[in-house]
Structures are given as C-alpha cells and as structure tokens.
Amino acid sequence: MTLAAYITSNFGQVKTQLGWSDSLQITAITDKALEWYGVSTEAEATNTKKLNALADVAVWRQALNDVSLDYDFNADNAGYKRSQQADMIRKNLDTAESAALVYLPNYSMLVSYSDDHPDWTNA
C-alpha cells in the first residue's frame, strides 16, 4: 500500500472534510513523513510501522494548520464553536506524536549514571 493510499484509507473523512487533494495536501503530508523518516522515496522507507506513525503526525499537523484560523461565532441565535475542531485535532496530534516519538528526528533521551545527585543519596 502506498503512503497516499494509507492516508486516504485511514484519514478519508479528514481528507474529505478539509477538502484535501491528492496533488497538494496528500503530497505535502507524504513528503513531510519521508523527510522525518530520513529518505527521499517510499521505496527506501522499509519500516512500515515507522512510516505510518510519522504520516499520522504529518496528517494531524496539516489538519491543525488548515483549521487554525477558524474562529467561534454567534449568528441567528446559535453559537458555532469551530475551536472544538481544533481541540480534537490537537488531541489526535498529541496521541500521534506520542506513538511516533521514537521515530521523530529530534527525539533524544539522556541517561545519567552519576551517583552524586542529592536526590539519589541515602539519608
């Protein structure tokens, strides 16, 4: 399955609701996922789990960009809370980033083996 097909299959409703086209947004999402993966083509991306996790993050970042200028308003005795959409996208982005954390290029973890930290001494 190509990455574009993965995105369309798993995020079809998001794609439709936000009016994404294959030639613009899906290509941009695919390119970003490949960039984070560290390759130029899908053929070079041999770890499907990693590629899909990075694509999930790219999808939700694109979605958040697309709705970030929407605002809440009242009209005709009704309230329209467009910010609710951004809030849900942010939650999905957080979940996707947590799942993809180990694959993101700026991820690092520092481990200290020093025994002289004051919180680690026996009193």
C-alpha atoms as a PDB file:
ATOM      1  CA  MET A   1       0.000   0.000   0.000  1.00  0.00           C
ATOM      2  CA  THR A   2       1.388   3.396  -0.906  1.00  0.00           C
ATOM      3  CA  LEU A   3       1.591   6.092   1.731  1.00  0.00           C
ATOM      4  CA  ALA A   4      -1.056   8.149  -0.101  1.00  0.00           C
ATOM      5  CA  ALA A   5      -3.353   5.116  -0.049  1.00  0.00           C
ATOM      6  CA  TYR A   6      -2.650   4.621   3.682  1.00  0.00           C
ATOM      7  CA  ILE A   7      -3.555   8.254   4.373  1.00  0.00           C
ATOM      8  CA  THR A   8      -6.724   8.097   2.266  1.00  0.00           C
ATOM      9  CA  SER A   9      -7.760   4.790   3.834  1.00  0.00           C
ATOM     10  CA  ASN A  10      -7.153   5.849   7.442  1.00  0.00           C
ATOM     11  CA  PHE A  11      -7.989   9.553   7.233  1.00  0.00           C
ATOM     12  CA  GLY A  12     -10.586   9.644   4.451  1.00  0.00           C
ATOM     13  CA  GLN A  13     -13.122  11.618   6.458  1.00  0.00           C
ATOM     14  CA  VAL A  14     -10.500  14.187   7.485  1.00  0.00           C
ATOM     15  CA  LYS A  15      -9.371  14.431   3.868  1.00  0.00           C
ATOM     16  CA  THR A  16     -12.944  14.956   2.663  1.00  0.00           C
ATOM     17  CA  GLN A  17     -13.979  17.374   5.397  1.00  0.00           C
ATOM     18  CA  LEU A  18     -10.927  19.579   4.906  1.00  0.00           C
ATOM     19  CA  GLY A  19     -11.085  19.354   1.122  1.00  0.00           C
ATOM     20  CA  TRP A  20      -7.637  17.873   0.672  1.00  0.00           C
ATOM     21  CA  SER A  21      -6.465  16.982  -2.807  1.00  0.00           C
ATOM     22  CA  ASP A  22      -4.015  14.227  -3.642  1.00  0.00           C
ATOM     23  CA  SER A  23      -1.791  16.617  -5.564  1.00  0.00           C
ATOM     24  CA  LEU A  24      -1.453  19.209  -2.782  1.00  0.00           C
ATOM     25  CA  GLN A  25      -2.075  18.210   0.821  1.00  0.00           C
ATOM     26  CA  ILE A  26      -1.564  14.450   0.477  1.00  0.00           C
ATOM     27  CA  THR A  27       1.682  15.055  -1.421  1.00  0.00           C
ATOM     28  CA  ALA A  28       2.818  17.542   1.244  1.00  0.00           C
ATOM     29  CA  ILE A  29       1.969  15.087   4.036  1.00  0.00           C
ATOM     30  CA  THR A  30       3.770  12.271   2.227  1.00  0.00           C
ATOM     31  CA  ASP A  31       6.830  14.453   1.640  1.00  0.00           C
ATOM     32  CA  LYS A  32       6.950  15.502   5.311  1.00  0.00           C
ATOM     33  CA  ALA A  33       6.682  11.901   6.520  1.00  0.00           C
ATOM     34  CA  LEU A  34       9.516  10.849   4.196  1.00  0.00           C
ATOM     35  CA  GLU A  35      11.626  13.805   5.358  1.00  0.00           C
ATOM     36  CA  TRP A  36      11.171  12.801   9.006  1.00  0.00           C
ATOM     37  CA  TYR A  37      11.925   9.208   8.078  1.00  0.00           C
ATOM     38  CA  GLY A  38      15.187  10.395   6.505  1.00  0.00           C
ATOM     39  CA  VAL A  39      14.625   9.097   2.980  1.00  0.00           C
ATOM     40  CA  SER A  40      13.726  10.554  -0.405  1.00  0.00           C
ATOM     41  CA  THR A  41      11.350   7.887  -1.696  1.00  0.00           C
ATOM     42  CA  GLU A  42       8.790   5.482  -0.286  1.00  0.00           C
ATOM     43  CA  ALA A  43      10.817   2.571  -1.680  1.00  0.00           C
ATOM     44  CA  GLU A  44      13.626   3.488   0.741  1.00  0.00           C
ATOM     45  CA  ALA A  45      11.256   3.504   3.732  1.00  0.00           C
ATOM     46  CA  THR A  46      11.389  -0.163   4.706  1.00  0.00           C
ATOM     47  CA  ASN A  47       9.876   0.124   8.214  1.00  0.00           C
ATOM     48  CA  THR A  48       6.137   0.442   7.562  1.00  0.00           C
ATOM     49  CA  LYS A  49       5.282   0.964  11.235  1.00  0.00           C
ATOM     50  CA  LYS A  50       7.687   3.899  11.420  1.00  0.00           C
ATOM     51  CA  LEU A  51       6.483   5.412   8.143  1.00  0.00           C
ATOM     52  CA  ASN A  52       2.817   5.157   9.127  1.00  0.00           C
ATOM     53  CA  ALA A  53       3.456   6.648  12.582  1.00  0.00           C
ATOM     54  CA  LEU A  54       5.275   9.596  11.015  1.00  0.00           C
ATOM     55  CA  ALA A  55       2.487  10.008   8.447  1.00  0.00           C
ATOM     56  CA  ASP A  56      -0.096  10.102  11.249  1.00  0.00           C
ATOM     57  CA  VAL A  57       1.747  13.041  12.821  1.00  0.00           C
ATOM     58  CA  ALA A  58       2.046  14.792   9.458  1.00  0.00           C
ATOM     59  CA  VAL A  59      -1.703  14.318   8.825  1.00  0.00           C
ATOM     60  CA  TRP A  60      -2.729  15.873  12.130  1.00  0.00           C
ATOM     61  CA  ARG A  61      -0.246  18.742  11.776  1.00  0.00           C
ATOM     62  CA  GLN A  62      -1.639  19.516   8.322  1.00  0.00           C
ATOM     63  CA  ALA A  63      -5.181  19.326   9.676  1.00  0.00           C
ATOM     64  CA  LEU A  64      -4.341  21.677  12.543  1.00  0.00           C
ATOM     65  CA  ASN A  65      -2.747  24.119  10.111  1.00  0.00           C
ATOM     66  CA  ASP A  66      -5.872  24.019   7.965  1.00  0.00           C
ATOM     67  CA  VAL A  67      -8.287  24.841  10.800  1.00  0.00           C
ATOM     68  CA  SER A  68      -6.089  27.095  12.922  1.00  0.00           C
ATOM     69  CA  LEU A  69      -7.668  30.290  11.605  1.00  0.00           C
ATOM     70  CA  ASP A  70     -11.247  29.146  12.196  1.00  0.00           C
ATOM     71  CA  TYR A  71     -12.984  31.003  14.998  1.00  0.00           C
ATOM     72  CA  ASP A  72     -16.081  30.718  17.172  1.00  0.00           C
ATOM     73  CA  PHE A  73     -19.021  32.965  16.381  1.00  0.00           C
ATOM     74  CA  ASN A  74     -22.704  33.512  17.123  1.00  0.00           C
ATOM     75  CA  ALA A  75     -25.326  34.067  14.447  1.00  0.00           C
ATOM     76  CA  ASP A  76     -29.086  33.652  14.192  1.00  0.00           C
ATOM     77  CA  ASN A  77     -29.402  32.846  17.900  1.00  0.00           C
ATOM     78  CA  ALA A  78     -26.928  29.976  17.578  1.00  0.00           C
ATOM     79  CA  GLY A  79     -23.307  29.526  18.628  1.00  0.00           C
ATOM     80  CA  TYR A  80     -20.776  27.962  16.310  1.00  0.00           C
ATOM     81  CA  LYS A  81     -17.736  26.537  18.089  1.00  0.00           C
ATOM     82  CA  ARG A  82     -15.174  25.966  15.372  1.00  0.00           C
ATOM     83  CA  SER A  83     -12.465  25.817  18.032  1.00  0.00           C
ATOM     84  CA  GLN A  84     -13.881  22.434  19.051  1.00  0.00           C
ATOM     85  CA  GLN A  85     -12.490  21.014  15.804  1.00  0.00           C
ATOM     86  CA  ALA A  86      -9.013  22.387  16.547  1.00  0.00           C
ATOM     87  CA  ASP A  87      -9.186  20.981  20.089  1.00  0.00           C
ATOM     88  CA  MET A  88      -9.982  17.486  18.799  1.00  0.00           C
ATOM     89  CA  ILE A  89      -7.239  17.698  16.189  1.00  0.00           C
ATOM     90  CA  ARG A  90      -4.758  18.770  18.885  1.00  0.00           C
ATOM     91  CA  LYS A  91      -5.721  15.717  20.965  1.00  0.00           C
ATOM     92  CA  ASN A  92      -5.255  13.448  17.945  1.00  0.00           C
ATOM     93  CA  LEU A  93      -1.926  15.138  17.184  1.00  0.00           C
ATOM     94  CA  ASP A  94      -0.754  14.586  20.767  1.00  0.00           C
ATOM     95  CA  THR A  95      -1.665  10.907  20.530  1.00  0.00           C
ATOM     96  CA  ALA A  96       0.071  10.534  17.163  1.00  0.00           C
ATOM     97  CA  GLU A  97       3.190  12.326  18.400  1.00  0.00           C
ATOM     98  CA  SER A  98       3.352  10.096  21.467  1.00  0.00           C
ATOM     99  CA  ALA A  99       3.151   6.997  19.283  1.00  0.00           C
ATOM    100  CA  ALA A 100       5.765   8.334  16.852  1.00  0.00           C
ATOM    101  CA  LEU A 101       8.083   9.910  19.409  1.00  0.00           C
ATOM    102  CA  VAL A 102      10.869   7.378  18.991  1.00  0.00           C
ATOM    103  CA  TYR A 103      10.816   7.912  15.218  1.00  0.00           C
ATOM    104  CA  LEU A 104      10.849  11.720  15.186  1.00  0.00           C
ATOM    105  CA  PRO A 105      14.199  13.198  14.163  1.00  0.00           C
ATOM    106  CA  ASN A 106      14.615  15.441  17.220  1.00  0.00           C
ATOM    107  CA  TYR A 107      13.867  12.704  19.744  1.00  0.00           C
ATOM    108  CA  SER A 108      16.587  12.030  22.260  1.00  0.00           C
ATOM    109  CA  MET A 109      16.862  10.650  25.735  1.00  0.00           C
ATOM    110  CA  LEU A 110      19.631  11.370  28.178  1.00  0.00           C
ATOM    111  CA  VAL A 111      20.567   8.903  30.870  1.00  0.00           C
ATOM    112  CA  SER A 112      22.797   9.826  33.769  1.00  0.00           C
ATOM    113  CA  TYR A 113      24.810   7.259  35.668  1.00  0.00           C
ATOM    114  CA  SER A 114      26.124   9.678  38.260  1.00  0.00           C
ATOM    115  CA  ASP A 115      25.556   8.637  41.880  1.00  0.00           C
ATOM    116  CA  ASP A 116      26.254  12.047  43.352  1.00  0.00           C
ATOM    117  CA  HIS A 117      22.860  13.662  42.703  1.00  0.00           C
ATOM    118  CA  PRO A 118      21.426  14.902  46.052  1.00  0.00           C
ATOM    119  CA  ASP A 119      18.039  13.279  45.437  1.00  0.00           C
ATOM    120  CA  TRP A 120      19.658   9.872  44.979  1.00  0.00           C
ATOM    121  CA  THR A 121      21.658   9.638  48.179  1.00  0.00           C
ATOM    122  CA  ASN A 122      20.551   7.648  51.178  1.00  0.00           C
ATOM    123  CA  ALA A 123      19.824   9.853  54.145  1.00  0.00           C
END
